[in-house]
Amino acid sequence: MTRTRSVALDTAVEAVQLAPAGKMLAALTELGRLSLLDCTGELRHLDSIETGLQSGELAFSPDGSQLAVTGIRQREVVEGVVLVYPVPPSAAPAIPAAVFDTMATAPTFVSGAPPMLVVGSYLRLVCLDPVTFKELGSADGDDYIAPRGLVSLKDRHGCVAVWGRQGFSRVHWYDLTASGPVARNKGGKKEPESLGGIAVSPSGARVAATFARPEELVVADPAATEGPYGHVSVYDNAKRALIVKHPIPGSLERDFAGYDGDAADRRRAYGAERPPTRPIFVDEDHCAVGLPGGDVRVVELKTGGVDLKWRLGFRLTTLDYSQASGLWAAGGPDGWVHVWAP
């Protein structure tokens, strides 16, 4: 890989996304600061603004002219808020596109006719007009749309959503019509609630979702250095069905949190404190996944083979990749953002 370029932000980085052309990077911290960085040379701040939101996520519009930010706002009650900024964000005040009870998650712009901004809320999947932000319609679901749990489909006007509910998740497919989302399946097999994220393959034929293991890992072998941190599930969009699950190995030392084991048989217990990053399709048959300790691993989706692509040397919370520019970007709990090319 080429030299990694890095810049420090104010606190832990919750989300990064490269713009459609791959030359700008948006980063959002846990305190709600939205930063726009120029990636064409040394990382350079183009703009920075306080959103006032926590537990934030972000998404560029397909033409790169807008940034949607979702999160929660603490007032007399907790609100889920959708803000839409121009690019750069300080060029005009943010538009409060929607305010919901409790939460707003997973902003996703959808191209086609009609174009939409789709977001998750408590009990609802909501479609908004991306210009007027009028609500076009909604669909009821489980308790909530999981963070990083929405992706638009490329081969038709639709999306896939991951709903969370009381310890588990389900994957749902929707057609998007002028009057809102229409569910096209009754709900898939149960997955763990700890979603890392969901992504669509370059052809649009498949989606992949990452999950952390829901229970502790107990290791009896004192020489063991790795264990199954979670898995990636691959779904067929035409059949709306699970194709295969592949385990994602993690380092016991770097990725897992260790606990006291059973002293009688000297077992060691480990837990996955946070999910892997959302999967990144590097091509139709390979997904890259970032792990908390800083490893980026590539899963071969046909065989389940896993290769270590990079050991980055810094901790990860979020990962992104631009096919347009070939750049990778990552953010970590220490507040640093990193950009590099293979």
Protein backbone atom coordinates (compact mmCIF):
# COMPACT_ATOMS: atom_id res chain seq x y z
CA MET A 1 0.00 0.00 0.00
CA THR A 2 1.06 3.60 -0.53
CA ARG A 3 1.88 5.94 2.31
CA THR A 4 -1.06 6.41 4.65
CA ARG A 5 -2.22 10.00 5.05
CA SER A 6 -3.80 10.82 8.41
CA VAL A 7 -5.50 13.69 10.21
CA ALA A 8 -6.84 14.03 13.76
CA LEU A 9 -10.43 15.06 14.51
CA ASP A 10 -11.96 16.09 17.83
CA THR A 11 -13.01 12.65 19.12
CA ALA A 12 -13.83 9.08 18.10
CA VAL A 13 -14.81 8.71 14.44
CA GLU A 14 -18.19 7.04 13.93
CA ALA A 15 -18.51 7.18 10.13
CA VAL A 16 -16.45 7.94 7.04
CA GLN A 17 -17.61 8.04 3.43
CA LEU A 18 -15.76 8.91 0.25
CA ALA A 19 -17.67 11.13 -2.19
CA PRO A 20 -18.86 9.53 -5.46
CA ALA A 21 -15.77 10.76 -7.34
CA GLY A 22 -13.53 9.51 -4.54
CA LYS A 23 -11.63 12.79 -4.12
CA MET A 24 -13.35 14.07 -0.95
CA LEU A 25 -14.01 12.34 2.34
CA ALA A 26 -16.75 13.10 4.85
CA ALA A 27 -16.14 12.08 8.47
CA LEU A 28 -18.49 12.23 11.45
CA THR A 29 -17.37 12.02 15.09
CA GLU A 30 -19.24 10.80 18.14
CA LEU A 31 -19.74 14.40 19.31
CA GLY A 32 -21.46 15.25 16.04
CA ARG A 33 -18.76 17.20 14.19
CA LEU A 34 -19.00 16.75 10.42
CA SER A 35 -15.72 17.30 8.53
CA LEU A 36 -15.05 17.38 4.80
CA LEU A 37 -11.50 16.51 3.71
CA ASP A 38 -9.68 16.89 0.39
CA CYS A 39 -8.00 13.57 -0.52
CA THR A 40 -6.17 14.63 -3.69
CA GLY A 41 -2.90 15.39 -1.89
CA GLU A 42 -2.17 15.65 1.80
CA LEU A 43 -5.43 15.34 3.74
CA ARG A 44 -6.73 18.90 3.96
CA HIS A 45 -9.74 20.25 5.83
CA LEU A 46 -12.23 21.78 3.41
CA ASP A 47 -15.04 22.36 5.86
CA SER A 48 -16.24 21.50 9.34
CA ILE A 49 -19.56 22.01 11.11
CA GLU A 50 -21.32 20.93 14.29
CA THR A 51 -24.45 18.86 13.61
CA GLY A 52 -25.65 18.65 17.22
CA LEU A 53 -26.37 14.94 16.72
CA GLN A 54 -25.05 11.82 18.41
CA SER A 55 -24.83 8.22 17.16
CA GLY A 56 -24.49 9.65 13.68
CA GLU A 57 -24.34 8.21 10.17
CA LEU A 58 -23.88 9.95 6.83
CA ALA A 59 -24.38 9.50 3.08
CA PHE A 60 -23.51 11.43 -0.07
CA SER A 61 -26.13 11.93 -2.75
CA PRO A 62 -25.30 10.18 -6.08
CA ASP A 63 -24.02 13.44 -7.63
CA GLY A 64 -22.06 14.41 -4.52
CA SER A 65 -23.92 17.70 -4.04
CA GLN A 66 -25.63 16.77 -0.76
CA LEU A 67 -24.73 15.08 2.51
CA ALA A 68 -27.43 13.47 4.63
CA VAL A 69 -26.68 13.00 8.33
CA THR A 70 -28.83 11.03 10.76
CA GLY A 71 -28.54 10.73 14.52
CA ILE A 72 -30.23 11.43 17.82
CA ARG A 73 -30.74 14.79 19.50
CA GLN A 74 -31.18 15.13 23.25
CA ARG A 75 -33.86 17.64 24.20
CA GLU A 76 -36.79 17.18 26.58
CA VAL A 77 -37.27 13.92 24.73
CA VAL A 78 -34.88 11.99 22.49
CA GLU A 79 -35.46 12.76 18.81
CA GLY A 80 -34.23 11.03 15.69
CA VAL A 81 -33.15 13.71 13.21
CA VAL A 82 -32.32 13.73 9.50
CA LEU A 83 -30.25 16.75 8.37
CA VAL A 84 -29.31 17.43 4.74
CA TYR A 85 -26.32 19.68 4.01
CA PRO A 86 -25.04 21.11 0.76
CA VAL A 87 -21.44 20.28 -0.18
CA PRO A 88 -19.52 22.02 1.36
CA PRO A 89 -21.71 21.90 4.50
CA SER A 90 -21.12 25.52 5.60
CA ALA A 91 -22.34 26.89 2.24
CA ALA A 92 -25.93 27.05 3.55
CA PRO A 93 -27.84 26.07 6.70
CA ALA A 94 -28.74 22.40 7.09
CA ILE A 95 -32.23 21.43 6.05
CA PRO A 96 -34.07 19.52 8.81
CA ALA A 97 -35.46 16.90 6.45
CA ALA A 98 -37.26 14.89 9.13
CA VAL A 99 -37.64 14.52 12.90
CA PHE A 100 -38.83 11.21 14.34
CA ASP A 101 -39.53 9.77 17.75
CA THR A 102 -36.51 8.08 19.35
CA MET A 103 -34.10 7.46 16.43
CA ALA A 104 -33.07 7.99 12.81
CA THR A 105 -30.59 5.66 11.11
CA ALA A 106 -28.95 4.53 7.88
CA PRO A 107 -29.50 7.43 5.42
CA THR A 108 -29.49 6.13 1.84
CA PHE A 109 -30.02 8.06 -1.40
CA VAL A 110 -31.78 6.07 -4.12
CA SER A 111 -31.49 6.98 -7.81
CA GLY A 112 -34.19 6.27 -10.37
CA ALA A 113 -37.75 7.39 -10.79
CA PRO A 114 -38.63 8.80 -8.39
CA PRO A 115 -35.36 9.58 -6.58
CA MET A 116 -35.57 9.19 -2.81
CA LEU A 117 -33.81 9.61 0.48
CA VAL A 118 -34.58 6.49 2.50
CA VAL A 119 -33.98 6.39 6.26
CA GLY A 120 -34.73 4.14 9.18
CA SER A 121 -36.72 5.09 12.25
CA TYR A 122 -38.30 3.38 15.21
CA LEU A 123 -40.75 0.80 13.76
CA ARG A 124 -40.66 2.39 10.26
CA LEU A 125 -38.73 2.51 6.99
CA VAL A 126 -39.36 6.01 5.62
CA CYS A 127 -39.03 7.38 2.05
CA LEU A 128 -38.49 11.14 1.60
CA ASP A 129 -38.44 13.31 -1.50
CA PRO A 130 -34.75 14.38 -1.75
CA VAL A 131 -35.69 17.93 -2.83
CA THR A 132 -38.79 18.87 -0.81
CA PHE A 133 -38.21 16.21 1.92
CA LYS A 134 -41.91 15.48 1.94
CA GLU A 135 -42.61 12.01 3.26
CA LEU A 136 -43.61 9.80 0.32
CA GLY A 137 -44.55 6.78 2.38
CA SER A 138 -43.33 4.28 4.91
CA ALA A 139 -43.41 0.60 5.81
CA ASP A 140 -43.73 -0.93 9.26
CA GLY A 141 -41.19 -3.48 10.43
CA ASP A 142 -39.51 -4.81 13.54
CA ASP A 143 -38.23 -2.56 16.34
CA TYR A 144 -35.73 -0.46 14.34
CA ILE A 145 -33.62 -0.22 11.20
CA ALA A 146 -30.12 -1.12 12.36
CA PRO A 147 -27.32 1.45 12.01
CA ARG A 148 -25.60 0.92 8.63
CA GLY A 149 -28.55 -1.35 7.84
CA LEU A 150 -29.85 0.07 4.54
CA VAL A 151 -28.55 -0.25 0.98
CA SER A 152 -30.13 0.67 -2.36
CA LEU A 153 -30.29 -1.91 -5.15
CA LYS A 154 -28.66 -1.25 -8.53
CA ASP A 155 -30.77 -3.40 -10.83
CA ARG A 156 -34.17 -2.11 -9.77
CA HIS A 157 -35.80 0.67 -7.76
CA GLY A 158 -35.53 -0.95 -4.37
CA CYS A 159 -33.56 -1.38 -1.17
CA VAL A 160 -32.57 -3.98 1.39
CA ALA A 161 -33.00 -3.23 5.09
CA VAL A 162 -31.78 -4.99 8.23
CA TRP A 163 -34.28 -4.76 11.07
CA GLY A 164 -33.22 -5.31 14.67
CA ARG A 165 -35.41 -6.70 17.41
CA GLN A 166 -34.73 -8.07 20.90
CA GLY A 167 -31.39 -9.74 20.28
CA PHE A 168 -31.69 -10.65 16.60
CA SER A 169 -31.90 -9.15 13.10
CA ARG A 170 -33.77 -9.97 9.91
CA VAL A 171 -33.05 -8.93 6.31
CA HIS A 172 -35.96 -7.52 4.26
CA TRP A 173 -36.29 -6.53 0.59
CA TYR A 174 -38.44 -3.62 -0.61
CA ASP A 175 -39.57 -2.19 -3.91
CA LEU A 176 -39.69 1.60 -3.79
CA THR A 177 -42.75 3.15 -5.41
CA ALA A 178 -44.01 6.73 -5.70
CA SER A 179 -46.15 6.06 -2.63
CA GLY A 180 -43.40 4.48 -0.55
CA PRO A 181 -41.76 1.09 0.16
CA VAL A 182 -43.51 -2.21 -0.57
CA ALA A 183 -42.18 -5.28 1.26
CA ARG A 184 -41.26 -8.21 -1.01
CA ASN A 185 -40.47 -10.89 1.53
CA LYS A 186 -41.85 -12.02 4.86
CA GLY A 187 -38.51 -11.81 6.67
CA GLY A 188 -35.42 -13.96 6.37
CA LYS A 189 -33.64 -16.19 8.82
CA LYS A 190 -32.60 -14.73 12.12
CA GLU A 191 -29.17 -13.14 12.37
CA PRO A 192 -27.41 -11.69 15.44
CA GLU A 193 -28.46 -8.18 16.41
CA SER A 194 -24.87 -6.89 16.23
CA LEU A 195 -24.84 -5.75 12.59
CA GLY A 196 -21.63 -4.30 11.16
CA GLY A 197 -23.30 -3.13 7.95
CA ILE A 198 -24.71 -4.16 4.59
CA ALA A 199 -23.44 -3.61 1.03
CA VAL A 200 -24.50 -4.45 -2.52
CA SER A 201 -22.22 -6.19 -5.04
CA PRO A 202 -21.00 -4.32 -8.16
CA SER A 203 -23.52 -6.14 -10.38
CA GLY A 204 -26.36 -5.67 -7.92
CA ALA A 205 -27.01 -9.41 -7.83
CA ARG A 206 -26.08 -9.92 -4.19
CA VAL A 207 -25.88 -8.18 -0.86
CA ALA A 208 -23.54 -9.01 1.98
CA ALA A 209 -23.96 -8.22 5.67
CA THR A 210 -21.49 -8.56 8.55
CA PHE A 211 -22.33 -9.53 12.12
CA ALA A 212 -20.33 -9.98 15.33
CA ARG A 213 -20.65 -13.21 17.27
CA PRO A 214 -23.48 -12.77 19.83
CA GLU A 215 -21.95 -14.90 22.59
CA GLU A 216 -18.60 -15.28 24.29
CA LEU A 217 -15.89 -17.35 22.64
CA VAL A 218 -14.37 -19.89 25.03
CA VAL A 219 -10.87 -21.07 24.03
CA ALA A 220 -9.27 -24.12 25.63
CA ASP A 221 -6.15 -24.24 23.46
CA PRO A 222 -3.46 -22.08 25.16
CA ALA A 223 -1.64 -21.73 21.83
CA ALA A 224 -4.67 -20.32 19.96
CA THR A 225 -4.20 -16.83 18.53
CA GLU A 226 -7.45 -16.43 16.53
CA GLY A 227 -11.12 -17.28 16.79
CA PRO A 228 -14.37 -16.60 14.89
CA TYR A 229 -15.11 -12.93 15.54
CA GLY A 230 -18.32 -12.94 13.50
CA HIS A 231 -19.49 -13.82 10.01
CA VAL A 232 -20.48 -12.43 6.64
CA SER A 233 -23.85 -13.49 5.19
CA VAL A 234 -24.37 -13.35 1.41
CA TYR A 235 -27.88 -13.01 -0.05
CA ASP A 236 -29.30 -13.45 -3.56
CA ASN A 237 -31.35 -10.36 -4.43
CA ALA A 238 -33.45 -12.05 -7.13
CA LYS A 239 -34.44 -14.92 -4.82
CA ARG A 240 -34.40 -12.74 -1.69
CA ALA A 241 -32.70 -15.58 0.12
CA LEU A 242 -29.53 -16.43 2.01
CA ILE A 243 -26.85 -18.08 -0.14
CA VAL A 244 -24.08 -18.74 2.35
CA LYS A 245 -22.45 -17.65 5.63
CA HIS A 246 -18.69 -17.48 6.10
CA PRO A 247 -16.89 -16.98 9.45
CA ILE A 248 -14.60 -13.97 9.89
CA PRO A 249 -11.56 -14.79 12.04
CA GLY A 250 -10.29 -12.26 14.55
CA SER A 251 -7.16 -11.89 16.64
CA LEU A 252 -7.70 -12.91 20.26
CA GLU A 253 -5.19 -10.25 21.31
CA ARG A 254 -6.19 -7.30 19.08
CA ASP A 255 -9.88 -7.75 18.23
CA PHE A 256 -11.53 -9.53 21.14
CA ALA A 257 -11.96 -8.32 24.71
CA GLY A 258 -10.62 -10.91 27.16
CA TYR A 259 -12.42 -12.12 30.31
CA ASP A 260 -11.48 -14.40 33.19
CA GLY A 261 -11.96 -18.01 32.15
CA ASP A 262 -12.46 -21.18 34.14
CA ALA A 263 -9.34 -21.58 36.31
CA ALA A 264 -9.96 -25.31 36.70
CA ASP A 265 -9.37 -26.12 33.04
CA ARG A 266 -7.51 -22.90 32.14
CA ARG A 267 -9.98 -21.88 29.47
CA ARG A 268 -10.00 -18.32 28.19
CA ALA A 269 -13.20 -16.39 27.38
CA TYR A 270 -13.46 -13.60 24.82
CA GLY A 271 -16.20 -11.27 23.61
CA ALA A 272 -16.69 -9.16 20.49
CA GLU A 273 -17.14 -5.65 21.86
CA ARG A 274 -18.20 -4.13 18.53
CA PRO A 275 -19.18 -5.56 15.13
CA PRO A 276 -16.79 -5.80 12.19
CA THR A 277 -17.06 -2.90 9.75
CA ARG A 278 -19.61 -3.07 6.98
CA PRO A 279 -18.45 -5.28 4.09
CA ILE A 280 -16.72 -3.61 1.13
CA PHE A 281 -17.12 -5.34 -2.24
CA VAL A 282 -13.73 -5.09 -3.95
CA ASP A 283 -15.18 -7.12 -6.83
CA GLU A 284 -18.18 -9.40 -7.37
CA ASP A 285 -16.69 -12.33 -5.45
CA HIS A 286 -14.61 -10.71 -2.69
CA CYS A 287 -15.54 -8.60 0.34
CA ALA A 288 -13.14 -6.69 2.57
CA VAL A 289 -13.97 -6.37 6.26
CA GLY A 290 -12.22 -4.25 8.89
CA LEU A 291 -11.77 -5.55 12.44
CA PRO A 292 -11.39 -3.43 15.60
CA GLY A 293 -7.68 -4.21 16.05
CA GLY A 294 -6.80 -2.80 12.63
CA ASP A 295 -6.74 -5.85 10.36
CA VAL A 296 -8.50 -5.66 6.98
CA ARG A 297 -9.39 -9.15 5.78
CA VAL A 298 -10.76 -10.21 2.39
CA VAL A 299 -13.36 -12.99 2.25
CA GLU A 300 -13.68 -15.07 -0.94
CA LEU A 301 -17.45 -15.42 -1.13
CA LYS A 302 -17.54 -18.69 -3.08
CA THR A 303 -15.17 -20.68 -0.89
CA GLY A 304 -15.10 -18.76 2.39
CA GLY A 305 -11.33 -18.40 2.21
CA VAL A 306 -10.01 -15.40 4.18
CA ASP A 307 -6.79 -13.52 3.43
CA LEU A 308 -5.18 -10.81 5.52
CA LYS A 309 -5.05 -7.78 3.20
CA TRP A 310 -3.55 -5.22 5.59
CA ARG A 311 -2.47 -4.97 9.21
CA LEU A 312 -2.93 -1.23 9.52
CA GLY A 313 -1.39 -0.58 12.92
CA PHE A 314 -4.32 1.50 14.22
CA ARG A 315 -7.73 0.61 15.62
CA LEU A 316 -10.81 0.73 13.39
CA THR A 317 -14.42 1.74 13.84
CA THR A 318 -15.36 2.42 10.21
CA LEU A 319 -14.05 1.64 6.71
CA ASP A 320 -14.84 2.81 3.17
CA TYR A 321 -13.56 2.32 -0.38
CA SER A 322 -14.02 4.23 -3.66
CA GLN A 323 -13.85 2.30 -6.91
CA ALA A 324 -13.71 5.66 -8.73
CA SER A 325 -10.40 6.74 -7.15
CA GLY A 326 -9.09 3.48 -5.70
CA LEU A 327 -8.77 5.12 -2.28
CA TRP A 328 -9.49 3.47 1.06
CA ALA A 329 -10.49 5.41 4.17
CA ALA A 330 -10.83 4.46 7.82
CA GLY A 331 -11.68 6.08 11.13
CA GLY A 332 -10.87 4.97 14.63
CA PRO A 333 -11.82 5.41 18.29
CA ASP A 334 -8.78 7.66 18.84
CA GLY A 335 -10.24 10.36 16.55
CA TRP A 336 -7.87 9.82 13.63
CA VAL A 337 -8.90 9.49 9.98
CA HIS A 338 -6.64 7.62 7.55
CA VAL A 339 -6.61 7.48 3.73
CA TRP A 340 -4.45 5.25 1.53
CA ALA A 341 -4.29 3.51 -1.86
CA PRO A 342 -3.16 -0.09 -2.55
